[in-house]
N, C-alpha and C. Protein backbone atom coordinates (compact mmCIF):
# COMPACT_ATOMS: atom_id res chain seq x y z
N HIS A 1 0.71 -0.73 0.05
CA HIS A 1 -0.01 -0.17 0.45
C HIS A 1 0.65 1.24 -0.10
N GLY A 2 2.49 1.55 -0.52
CA GLY A 2 2.95 2.50 -0.52
C GLY A 2 3.58 2.25 0.85
N ILE A 3 3.40 2.15 1.50
CA ILE A 3 3.89 2.32 3.40
C ILE A 3 5.02 3.02 3.32
N GLU A 4 5.32 3.93 4.28
CA GLU A 4 6.78 4.53 4.14
C GLU A 4 7.37 3.95 5.57
N ILE A 5 7.61 2.63 5.26
CA ILE A 5 8.42 1.39 5.90
C ILE A 5 9.35 2.33 7.73
N ASP A 6 10.16 3.11 6.94
CA ASP A 6 11.00 3.39 8.07
C ASP A 6 10.74 5.13 8.32
N SER A 7 9.54 5.40 8.33
CA SER A 7 8.92 6.10 9.24
C SER A 7 9.18 6.65 10.44
N THR A 8 9.06 7.86 10.84
CA THR A 8 9.72 7.44 12.57
C THR A 8 8.31 8.56 13.30
N THR A 9 8.26 8.40 15.22
CA THR A 9 7.54 8.39 15.63
C THR A 9 8.29 10.26 16.21
N GLU A 10 7.43 11.00 16.56
CA GLU A 10 8.46 12.43 16.88
C GLU A 10 10.02 11.99 17.80
N ASP A 11 10.22 11.34 18.50
CA ASP A 11 11.39 10.68 19.14
C ASP A 11 12.69 9.95 18.03
N GLY A 12 11.41 9.23 17.18
CA GLY A 12 12.57 8.63 15.98
C GLY A 12 12.62 7.26 16.03
N THR A 13 11.56 6.87 17.07
CA THR A 13 11.25 5.24 16.87
C THR A 13 10.96 4.70 15.45
N THR A 14 11.35 3.83 14.36
CA THR A 14 10.95 3.26 13.85
C THR A 14 9.84 1.85 14.00
N ALA A 15 9.18 1.91 13.48
CA ALA A 15 8.24 0.39 13.94
C ALA A 15 9.21 -0.99 13.79
N LEU A 16 10.43 -0.95 13.05
CA LEU A 16 11.73 -1.35 13.40
C LEU A 16 12.26 -2.05 14.50
N PHE A 17 12.19 -1.04 15.10
CA PHE A 17 13.82 -0.80 17.17
C PHE A 17 11.80 -0.88 17.42
N ASN A 18 10.67 -0.38 17.34
CA ASN A 18 9.81 -0.65 18.50
C ASN A 18 9.63 -1.91 18.68
N ALA A 19 9.41 -3.42 17.34
CA ALA A 19 9.62 -4.65 16.99
C ALA A 19 11.11 -5.55 17.82
N VAL A 20 11.84 -4.64 18.22
CA VAL A 20 13.87 -4.87 18.69
C VAL A 20 12.97 -4.71 20.38
N GLU A 21 12.60 -3.78 20.36
CA GLU A 21 12.56 -3.31 21.50
C GLU A 21 11.85 -4.53 22.75
N LYS A 22 10.35 -4.74 22.15
CA LYS A 22 9.18 -5.47 22.85
C LYS A 22 10.03 -6.81 22.43
N GLY A 23 10.34 -7.54 21.85
CA GLY A 23 11.34 -8.22 21.52
C GLY A 23 9.93 -10.02 20.19
N HIS A 24 9.52 -8.88 19.07
CA HIS A 24 8.39 -9.24 18.35
C HIS A 24 9.80 -10.35 17.62
N ALA A 25 9.96 -11.34 17.42
CA ALA A 25 10.93 -11.81 16.22
C ALA A 25 10.30 -12.04 15.33
N PRO A 26 9.14 -12.48 15.03
CA PRO A 26 8.40 -12.52 14.15
C PRO A 26 8.12 -11.05 13.18
N VAL A 27 8.05 -10.36 13.36
CA VAL A 27 8.06 -8.77 13.20
C VAL A 27 8.58 -7.82 12.53
N VAL A 28 10.15 -8.04 13.22
CA VAL A 28 11.46 -7.75 12.89
C VAL A 28 11.47 -8.48 11.60
N GLU A 29 11.11 -9.98 11.22
CA GLU A 29 11.95 -10.28 9.92
C GLU A 29 11.17 -9.83 9.19
N LYS A 30 9.46 -9.58 8.80
CA LYS A 30 8.64 -9.53 8.07
C LYS A 30 9.37 -8.10 7.80
N LEU A 31 9.64 -7.29 8.89
CA LEU A 31 10.03 -5.47 8.50
C LEU A 31 11.57 -6.06 7.87
N LEU A 32 12.12 -6.46 8.16
CA LEU A 32 13.20 -6.83 7.31
C LEU A 32 13.23 -7.30 5.55
N ASP A 33 12.38 -8.49 5.88
CA ASP A 33 12.15 -8.62 4.25
C ASP A 33 12.15 -7.76 3.19
N HIS A 34 10.80 -6.35 3.96
CA HIS A 34 10.08 -5.33 2.99
C HIS A 34 11.37 -4.18 3.16
N ASN A 35 12.20 -4.83 3.11
CA ASN A 35 13.68 -3.33 3.41
C ASN A 35 13.47 -2.23 4.37
N ALA A 36 13.24 -3.36 5.18
CA ALA A 36 13.27 -1.88 6.77
C ALA A 36 14.98 -1.71 6.97
N GLU A 37 15.21 -0.74 6.64
CA GLU A 37 16.39 -0.52 7.85
C GLU A 37 17.03 -0.73 8.93
N ALA A 38 17.69 -1.49 8.38
CA ALA A 38 18.14 -1.98 9.77
C ALA A 38 19.41 -1.32 10.89
N ASN A 39 19.66 -0.06 10.07
CA ASN A 39 20.81 0.72 11.77
C ASN A 39 20.21 1.92 11.64
N LEU A 40 19.50 2.42 11.62
CA LEU A 40 18.77 3.89 11.78
C LEU A 40 17.81 3.53 13.70
N SER A 41 18.60 4.90 14.34
CA SER A 41 18.35 4.98 15.62
C SER A 41 17.96 5.27 16.03
N ARG A 42 17.62 5.43 17.42
CA ARG A 42 16.97 5.87 18.22
C ARG A 42 17.66 5.82 19.98
N ASP A 43 17.45 7.57 19.85
CA ASP A 43 18.24 7.57 21.05
C ASP A 43 20.05 7.55 21.21
N ASN A 44 20.28 7.62 19.61
CA ASN A 44 21.99 6.62 19.37
C ASN A 44 21.62 5.46 19.51
N GLU A 45 20.69 4.93 19.64
CA GLU A 45 20.95 2.82 19.85
C GLU A 45 21.20 2.48 18.21
N SER A 46 21.13 1.31 17.91
CA SER A 46 20.72 0.95 16.88
C SER A 46 20.06 -0.35 16.82
N PRO A 47 19.30 -0.84 16.32
CA PRO A 47 18.72 -1.97 16.73
C PRO A 47 18.51 -2.62 17.15
N LEU A 48 20.02 -3.25 16.58
CA LEU A 48 21.31 -4.24 17.50
C LEU A 48 21.73 -4.19 18.81
N ILE A 49 22.43 -2.93 18.72
CA ILE A 49 22.96 -2.80 19.81
C ILE A 49 21.15 -3.21 20.65
N GLN A 50 19.99 -2.46 20.92
CA GLN A 50 18.77 -2.71 21.64
C GLN A 50 18.84 -3.99 21.64
N ALA A 51 18.89 -5.46 20.50
CA ALA A 51 18.05 -6.28 21.08
C ALA A 51 19.30 -7.34 21.78
N CYS A 52 21.12 -5.98 21.78
CA CYS A 52 21.80 -6.74 22.32
C CYS A 52 22.00 -7.14 23.84
N HIS A 53 21.21 -5.57 24.25
CA HIS A 53 21.00 -5.19 25.42
C HIS A 53 19.68 -6.28 25.82
N ARG A 54 18.75 -6.29 25.31
CA ARG A 54 17.50 -6.41 26.46
C ARG A 54 17.85 -8.24 25.65
N GLY A 55 19.12 -8.97 25.18
CA GLY A 55 18.99 -10.30 24.97
C GLY A 55 17.95 -11.65 24.05
N HIS A 56 17.87 -10.65 23.22
CA HIS A 56 16.61 -11.00 21.84
C HIS A 56 17.60 -11.76 21.23
N HIS A 57 18.23 -12.60 20.82
CA HIS A 57 18.63 -13.59 20.25
C HIS A 57 18.82 -13.65 19.09
N GLU A 58 17.17 -14.15 18.48
CA GLU A 58 16.43 -14.54 17.37
C GLU A 58 16.49 -13.31 16.72
N ILE A 59 15.74 -11.75 17.19
CA ILE A 59 15.77 -11.05 16.49
C ILE A 59 17.71 -10.72 16.47
N VAL A 60 18.46 -10.49 16.80
CA VAL A 60 20.06 -10.39 16.34
C VAL A 60 20.39 -11.37 15.41
N LYS A 61 19.85 -12.32 15.25
CA LYS A 61 19.71 -13.50 14.13
C LYS A 61 19.29 -13.46 12.76
N HIS A 62 17.73 -12.24 12.70
CA HIS A 62 17.37 -11.98 12.05
C HIS A 62 17.94 -10.57 11.61
N LEU A 63 18.41 -9.67 12.42
CA LEU A 63 19.36 -8.16 11.75
C LEU A 63 20.73 -8.78 11.57
N LEU A 64 21.15 -9.91 11.46
CA LEU A 64 22.70 -9.97 10.80
C LEU A 64 22.42 -10.24 9.95
N LYS A 65 21.41 -10.65 8.82
CA LYS A 65 20.44 -11.19 7.98
C LYS A 65 20.82 -9.56 6.97
N ALA A 66 20.45 -8.75 7.44
CA ALA A 66 20.36 -8.04 6.56
C ALA A 66 22.10 -6.98 5.77
N SER A 67 21.70 -7.27 4.77
CA SER A 67 22.81 -6.70 3.53
C SER A 67 23.47 -5.63 4.36
N ASN A 68 22.87 -4.75 4.71
CA ASN A 68 23.78 -3.51 4.44
C ASN A 68 23.65 -3.15 7.04
N ILE A 69 23.95 -4.57 7.56
CA ILE A 69 23.77 -3.68 8.82
C ILE A 69 25.63 -3.76 9.51
N LYS A 70 25.64 -2.80 9.98
CA LYS A 70 26.66 -2.12 10.50
C LYS A 70 26.94 -3.00 12.36
N ILE A 71 27.34 -4.01 12.02
CA ILE A 71 27.83 -4.28 13.72
C ILE A 71 28.79 -3.86 14.34
N ASN A 72 29.52 -2.98 13.44
CA ASN A 72 30.66 -2.59 14.33
C ASN A 72 29.95 -0.86 14.82
N GLN A 73 28.98 -0.87 14.42
CA GLN A 73 28.60 1.00 15.16
C GLN A 73 28.11 0.60 16.71
N LYS A 74 28.88 1.84 17.34
CA LYS A 74 29.00 2.67 18.53
C LYS A 74 27.42 3.37 18.59
N ARG A 75 27.16 3.07 19.61
CA ARG A 75 26.08 4.09 20.34
C ARG A 75 26.49 5.35 20.86
N LYS A 76 26.00 6.07 20.70
CA LYS A 76 26.50 7.87 20.71
C LYS A 76 27.25 7.97 22.71
N THR A 77 26.46 7.60 22.88
CA THR A 77 26.68 8.34 24.39
C THR A 77 27.47 7.60 25.59
N ASP A 78 27.46 6.22 24.88
CA ASP A 78 29.29 5.93 25.55
C ASP A 78 30.17 5.48 24.62
N GLY A 79 29.65 5.45 23.34
CA GLY A 79 30.67 4.10 22.84
C GLY A 79 30.76 2.90 22.48
N ALA A 80 29.36 2.26 23.00
CA ALA A 80 29.52 0.99 23.27
C ALA A 80 29.54 0.37 22.59
N PRO A 81 29.91 -0.82 21.53
CA PRO A 81 29.22 -1.35 20.56
C PRO A 81 28.84 -2.67 21.28
N CYS A 82 27.65 -3.62 19.57
CA CYS A 82 26.98 -4.36 20.04
C CYS A 82 27.01 -5.91 20.77
N LEU A 83 28.33 -5.66 20.57
CA LEU A 83 29.83 -6.76 20.89
C LEU A 83 28.99 -6.59 22.50
N PHE A 84 30.03 -5.09 22.82
CA PHE A 84 29.97 -5.06 24.65
C PHE A 84 29.47 -4.74 25.02
N VAL A 85 27.99 -4.85 24.58
CA VAL A 85 26.24 -4.80 24.84
C VAL A 85 26.58 -6.42 25.50
N ALA A 86 26.27 -7.12 24.41
CA ALA A 86 26.09 -8.54 24.85
C ALA A 86 27.05 -9.13 25.88
N CYS A 87 28.34 -8.55 25.89
CA CYS A 87 28.86 -8.77 26.80
C CYS A 87 28.28 -9.14 28.36
N ARG A 88 28.03 -7.21 27.86
CA ARG A 88 27.82 -6.81 29.82
C ARG A 88 26.81 -8.02 30.16
N GLU A 89 25.48 -7.72 29.27
CA GLU A 89 24.64 -8.43 30.04
C GLU A 89 24.62 -9.72 30.47
N GLY A 90 25.87 -10.74 29.45
CA GLY A 90 25.69 -12.76 29.74
C GLY A 90 24.35 -13.16 28.55
N ALA A 91 23.86 -11.35 27.47
CA ALA A 91 22.97 -12.56 26.23
C ALA A 91 24.53 -13.54 25.50
N THR A 92 24.42 -14.82 26.30
CA THR A 92 25.40 -15.65 25.20
C THR A 92 24.84 -15.56 24.24
N GLU A 93 23.70 -16.57 23.56
CA GLU A 93 23.33 -16.33 22.37
C GLU A 93 23.48 -15.12 21.66
N CYS A 94 23.14 -13.90 21.62
CA CYS A 94 23.73 -13.16 20.89
C CYS A 94 24.95 -12.57 20.64
N VAL A 95 25.82 -12.61 21.59
CA VAL A 95 27.01 -12.76 21.52
C VAL A 95 27.60 -13.65 20.43
N THR A 96 27.24 -15.24 20.67
CA THR A 96 27.45 -16.44 19.37
C THR A 96 27.15 -16.53 17.90
N HIS A 97 25.83 -15.07 18.19
CA HIS A 97 25.25 -15.19 16.62
C HIS A 97 26.21 -13.71 16.29
N LEU A 98 26.99 -13.40 16.64
CA LEU A 98 27.40 -11.56 16.96
C LEU A 98 28.84 -12.57 16.01
N LEU A 99 29.85 -13.05 16.94
CA LEU A 99 30.81 -13.32 16.35
C LEU A 99 31.06 -14.89 15.01
N SER A 100 29.67 -14.76 14.41
CA SER A 100 29.83 -15.80 13.60
C SER A 100 29.57 -14.52 12.71
N ASN A 101 29.78 -13.21 12.44
CA ASN A 101 30.47 -12.68 11.66
C ASN A 101 31.66 -12.63 11.68
N ASP A 102 32.51 -12.61 10.37
CA ASP A 102 33.58 -12.32 10.50
C ASP A 102 34.20 -10.63 10.61
N LEU A 103 32.99 -9.86 10.24
CA LEU A 103 33.89 -8.67 9.37
C LEU A 103 33.19 -7.60 11.45
N LEU A 104 33.02 -8.65 12.52
CA LEU A 104 33.12 -7.97 14.06
C LEU A 104 34.61 -7.72 14.48
N PHE A 105 34.74 -6.61 15.11
CA PHE A 105 36.10 -5.95 15.83
C PHE A 105 35.99 -6.52 17.64
N ILE A 106 36.12 -7.38 17.38
CA ILE A 106 36.25 -8.35 18.50
C ILE A 106 37.41 -7.31 19.38
N ASN A 107 37.69 -6.15 19.82
CA ASN A 107 38.96 -5.34 20.64
C ASN A 107 37.56 -3.83 20.51
N ALA A 108 37.37 -3.83 19.90
CA ALA A 108 36.14 -2.59 20.06
C ALA A 108 35.79 -1.77 21.61
N SER A 109 36.34 -1.19 22.23
CA SER A 109 35.91 -0.70 23.55
C SER A 109 34.43 0.64 23.60
N LYS A 110 34.42 0.76 25.02
CA LYS A 110 33.30 2.19 24.84
C LYS A 110 34.35 3.14 25.17
N THR A 111 34.11 4.37 25.13
CA THR A 111 34.51 5.49 24.64
C THR A 111 36.04 5.76 26.19
N ASN A 112 36.04 4.72 27.27
CA ASN A 112 36.59 4.53 28.32
C ASN A 112 37.77 3.53 28.53
N GLY A 113 37.38 2.94 27.44
CA GLY A 113 38.02 1.81 26.90
C GLY A 113 38.00 -0.03 26.83
N ARG A 114 36.93 0.29 28.03
CA ARG A 114 36.77 -0.48 28.27
C ARG A 114 36.42 -1.94 27.06
N SER A 115 36.73 -3.58 27.43
CA SER A 115 36.26 -3.82 26.14
C SER A 115 35.01 -5.16 26.22
N PRO A 116 34.86 -5.48 25.29
CA PRO A 116 33.79 -6.59 25.45
C PRO A 116 34.70 -7.42 26.22
N LEU A 117 35.82 -7.68 26.21
CA LEU A 117 36.62 -9.06 27.17
C LEU A 117 36.82 -8.21 28.24
N PHE A 118 37.08 -7.45 28.49
CA PHE A 118 36.92 -6.64 30.36
C PHE A 118 36.13 -6.30 30.58
N ILE A 119 34.79 -6.42 29.66
CA ILE A 119 33.29 -6.29 30.66
C ILE A 119 32.73 -7.18 31.03
N ALA A 120 33.09 -9.07 29.86
CA ALA A 120 32.59 -9.88 30.72
C ALA A 120 33.78 -10.63 31.50
N SER A 121 34.36 -9.98 32.19
CA SER A 121 35.49 -10.77 33.04
C SER A 121 35.18 -10.19 34.33
N PHE A 122 35.14 -8.93 34.16
CA PHE A 122 34.15 -7.62 34.77
C PHE A 122 33.41 -8.35 35.75
N PHE A 123 31.60 -9.44 34.78
CA PHE A 123 31.04 -9.78 35.36
C PHE A 123 31.01 -11.06 35.70
N GLY A 124 32.13 -11.67 35.42
CA GLY A 124 32.61 -13.45 35.87
C GLY A 124 31.52 -13.79 34.89
N HIS A 125 31.22 -13.80 33.19
CA HIS A 125 30.66 -14.44 32.56
C HIS A 125 32.04 -14.90 32.04
N SER A 126 32.56 -16.43 32.12
CA SER A 126 33.14 -17.18 31.96
C SER A 126 33.24 -17.81 30.52
N ASP A 127 32.40 -18.51 30.64
CA ASP A 127 30.99 -18.95 29.05
C ASP A 127 31.90 -18.03 28.09
N ILE A 128 31.50 -17.26 28.28
CA ILE A 128 31.48 -15.80 26.98
C ILE A 128 33.06 -15.43 27.46
N VAL A 129 33.79 -15.08 27.68
CA VAL A 129 34.90 -14.94 27.89
C VAL A 129 36.26 -16.42 26.90
N SER A 130 35.50 -17.40 27.45
CA SER A 130 35.73 -18.66 26.38
C SER A 130 35.80 -18.60 25.20
N MET A 131 33.94 -18.34 25.32
CA MET A 131 33.81 -17.83 23.45
C MET A 131 34.93 -16.99 22.61
N LEU A 132 34.67 -15.28 23.52
CA LEU A 132 35.81 -14.74 22.94
C LEU A 132 36.98 -15.18 22.29
N ILE A 133 37.54 -15.99 23.57
CA ILE A 133 38.86 -16.13 22.62
C ILE A 133 38.63 -17.55 22.49
N ALA A 134 38.02 -18.21 21.85
CA ALA A 134 38.07 -19.57 20.89
C ALA A 134 38.06 -18.50 19.70
N HIS A 135 36.72 -17.69 19.78
CA HIS A 135 36.81 -16.88 18.43
C HIS A 135 38.51 -16.28 17.65
N SER A 136 39.14 -15.79 18.85
CA SER A 136 40.40 -14.34 18.79
C SER A 136 40.96 -15.91 17.80
N HIS A 137 41.10 -17.65 18.68
CA HIS A 137 41.74 -18.36 18.15
C HIS A 137 41.60 -18.74 16.21
N ARG A 138 39.59 -18.52 16.15
CA ARG A 138 39.36 -19.04 14.76
C ARG A 138 40.24 -17.58 13.98
N MET A 139 40.30 -16.76 14.21
CA MET A 139 40.41 -15.24 13.34
C MET A 139 41.71 -15.01 13.15
N HIS A 140 43.19 -15.61 14.23
CA HIS A 140 44.70 -16.07 13.95
C HIS A 140 44.99 -16.43 12.82
N LYS A 141 44.63 -18.32 12.92
CA LYS A 141 44.12 -18.67 12.30
C LYS A 141 44.05 -18.57 10.65
N LEU A 142 42.82 -17.22 10.03
CA LEU A 142 43.02 -16.41 9.11
C LEU A 142 42.87 -15.64 8.99
N ARG A 143 43.88 -15.36 9.71
CA ARG A 143 45.15 -13.72 9.72
C ARG A 143 43.43 -12.91 9.52
N MET A 144 43.15 -12.66 10.07
CA MET A 144 41.95 -11.88 10.57
C MET A 144 42.10 -10.94 11.87
N ASN A 145 43.77 -10.00 11.22
CA ASN A 145 43.48 -8.89 12.81
C ASN A 145 43.12 -8.19 14.00
N HIS A 146 41.69 -8.23 12.54
CA HIS A 146 40.40 -7.21 13.53
C HIS A 146 39.46 -8.08 14.35
N GLY A 147 40.14 -9.15 14.60
CA GLY A 147 38.99 -10.53 15.06
C GLY A 147 39.78 -11.24 16.16
N VAL A 148 41.40 -10.84 16.07
CA VAL A 148 42.65 -11.18 16.79
C VAL A 148 41.99 -10.68 18.62
N LEU A 149 41.35 -11.40 19.52
CA LEU A 149 41.77 -10.47 20.97
C LEU A 149 42.83 -9.54 21.13
N ASP A 150 42.54 -8.68 22.04
CA ASP A 150 44.29 -8.36 23.23
C ASP A 150 43.60 -8.17 24.17
N VAL A 151 44.26 -10.23 24.70
CA VAL A 151 44.17 -10.26 26.22
C VAL A 151 44.91 -8.79 27.31
N ASN A 152 45.14 -7.98 27.02
CA ASN A 152 45.75 -7.28 28.61
C ASN A 152 45.54 -5.49 27.71
N GLN A 153 44.34 -5.90 26.60
CA GLN A 153 43.80 -4.58 26.43
C GLN A 153 42.83 -3.41 27.17
N CYS A 154 43.81 -2.52 28.04
CA CYS A 154 42.83 -2.07 29.36
C CYS A 154 42.11 -0.34 29.63
N ASP A 155 41.36 -0.53 30.01
CA ASP A 155 40.56 0.51 30.47
C ASP A 155 41.37 1.96 30.63
N SER A 156 41.00 2.85 30.80
CA SER A 156 41.23 4.46 30.49
C SER A 156 41.86 4.61 32.30
N LYS A 157 41.91 2.82 33.19
CA LYS A 157 42.12 3.65 34.35
C LYS A 157 43.85 3.15 34.35
N GLY A 158 43.37 2.21 32.78
CA GLY A 158 44.73 1.32 33.13
C GLY A 158 44.79 -0.36 33.77
N PHE A 159 43.39 -0.90 33.92
CA PHE A 159 42.78 -2.27 34.60
C PHE A 159 42.27 -3.61 33.58
N THR A 160 43.25 -4.34 33.44
CA THR A 160 43.38 -5.42 32.52
C THR A 160 42.25 -5.93 32.76
N PRO A 161 41.59 -7.13 31.58
CA PRO A 161 40.39 -7.97 32.28
C PRO A 161 40.76 -9.30 33.11
N LEU A 162 42.59 -9.33 33.17
CA LEU A 162 43.18 -10.29 35.19
C LEU A 162 42.79 -9.34 35.22
N PHE A 163 43.02 -8.59 36.17
CA PHE A 163 43.38 -7.66 36.74
C PHE A 163 41.63 -7.91 37.25
N ILE A 164 40.67 -7.20 36.51
CA ILE A 164 39.45 -6.89 36.98
C ILE A 164 38.72 -7.65 37.30
N ALA A 165 39.33 -9.10 36.83
CA ALA A 165 38.87 -10.50 37.45
C ALA A 165 38.74 -10.69 38.13
N ALA A 166 40.41 -11.03 38.63
CA ALA A 166 40.70 -10.88 40.10
C ALA A 166 39.81 -10.17 41.34
N GLN A 167 40.00 -8.35 40.76
CA GLN A 167 40.02 -7.99 41.32
C GLN A 167 38.26 -8.51 41.78
N LYS A 168 37.52 -8.92 41.18
CA LYS A 168 36.20 -9.38 41.49
C LYS A 168 35.66 -10.63 41.69
N GLY A 169 36.96 -11.21 42.11
CA GLY A 169 37.33 -13.25 42.69
C GLY A 169 36.88 -13.85 41.36
N HIS A 170 36.56 -13.89 40.75
CA HIS A 170 36.07 -14.41 39.47
C HIS A 170 37.46 -15.23 38.83
N GLY A 171 37.44 -16.49 39.57
CA GLY A 171 38.42 -17.69 39.38
C GLY A 171 38.70 -17.90 38.28
N GLU A 172 37.09 -18.46 37.18
CA GLU A 172 36.92 -19.41 36.25
C GLU A 172 37.41 -18.52 35.12
N CYS A 173 37.12 -16.43 35.18
CA CYS A 173 37.33 -16.16 34.54
C CYS A 173 39.05 -15.68 34.27
N CYS A 174 40.12 -15.85 35.52
CA CYS A 174 41.73 -15.80 35.41
C CYS A 174 41.79 -16.93 34.80
N SER A 175 41.72 -18.25 35.08
CA SER A 175 42.31 -19.10 34.62
C SER A 175 42.15 -19.55 33.09
N THR A 176 40.82 -19.09 32.96
CA THR A 176 40.39 -18.51 31.31
C THR A 176 41.88 -17.77 30.17
N LEU A 177 41.95 -16.44 31.16
CA LEU A 177 42.73 -15.38 30.59
C LEU A 177 44.46 -15.67 31.00
N LEU A 178 44.80 -16.49 32.27
CA LEU A 178 45.92 -17.35 32.37
C LEU A 178 46.68 -18.20 31.39
N ASN A 179 45.75 -18.95 30.73
CA ASN A 179 45.51 -19.95 29.47
C ASN A 179 45.77 -19.07 28.33
N SER A 180 45.34 -18.28 28.19
CA SER A 180 46.08 -17.43 27.08
C SER A 180 46.70 -16.37 26.92
N LYS A 181 47.53 -15.72 27.64
CA LYS A 181 48.82 -16.21 27.81
C LYS A 181 48.48 -14.23 28.53
N ALA A 182 47.04 -13.56 29.44
CA ALA A 182 47.31 -12.60 30.27
C ALA A 182 48.45 -12.32 31.10
N ASP A 183 49.37 -11.02 30.73
CA ASP A 183 49.99 -10.88 31.62
C ASP A 183 50.26 -10.43 33.34
N VAL A 184 50.62 -11.38 34.01
CA VAL A 184 50.19 -11.16 34.83
C VAL A 184 50.45 -10.63 36.32
N ASN A 185 51.49 -9.86 35.35
CA ASN A 185 52.39 -8.55 35.97
C ASN A 185 52.01 -7.50 35.97
N GLN A 186 50.96 -7.21 34.25
CA GLN A 186 50.92 -5.61 33.93
C GLN A 186 49.84 -4.73 34.86
N GLY A 187 50.31 -4.16 35.84
CA GLY A 187 49.31 -2.82 36.87
C GLY A 187 48.54 -2.11 36.09
N ALA A 188 47.94 -1.70 37.31
CA ALA A 188 46.77 -0.70 36.52
C ALA A 188 47.57 0.34 36.64
N ARG A 189 47.05 1.80 37.01
CA ARG A 189 48.42 3.29 36.75
C ARG A 189 48.38 3.60 38.29
N ASP A 190 47.56 3.39 39.52
CA ASP A 190 48.73 3.16 40.18
C ASP A 190 49.32 1.83 40.89
N ARG A 191 49.84 1.78 40.19
CA ARG A 191 50.82 0.27 41.02
C ARG A 191 50.04 -0.80 40.83
N ARG A 192 48.99 -1.04 40.95
CA ARG A 192 48.60 -2.45 42.01
C ARG A 192 48.49 -3.28 40.63
N THR A 193 48.88 -4.51 41.60
CA THR A 193 48.18 -6.09 39.97
C THR A 193 47.32 -7.21 40.35
N PRO A 194 47.31 -7.66 39.41
CA PRO A 194 46.20 -8.70 39.63
C PRO A 194 46.67 -9.66 41.62
N LEU A 195 47.79 -9.61 41.14
CA LEU A 195 48.29 -10.38 42.39
C LEU A 195 47.55 -9.35 44.30
């Protein structure tokens, strides 16, 4: 009927974003099948980031099929990419779908330098830490450097994933990071070390 599929409400909400936010996967699929723009954001947050935030893994899967999806698009308020958001929320299935896209920048961090590996270590999501490391090994074999983890990447205060996992008492994350050659002596700016 000639509908403008990407028309917005006053606050910039599209039909697609609304369906993503509410978790209506069949509606998202139908809108995408009819060429809804997958990257239009509301409040500086893309539909993909919103889906990861809410743990809607089926919707993440549908959005990743869009030919023009911007998988490395960042939230304007804090610079968080979708992988960071999924890792923070412990959305394991969302992370699985995101890691299936070889264009994903695995070390992309927020404006404060915190990476997806850092935030997964912070919250003790050991399964996600292991998934990120396994993805990194695969990308290393393919020589795709944008997908290879920097296990010692620190945030703006100099804290590494190992430091924060140790500080929070997440032993399993610490073991996984140490087995992946995390630097046991790399300290923060205030000279505290993981030990």
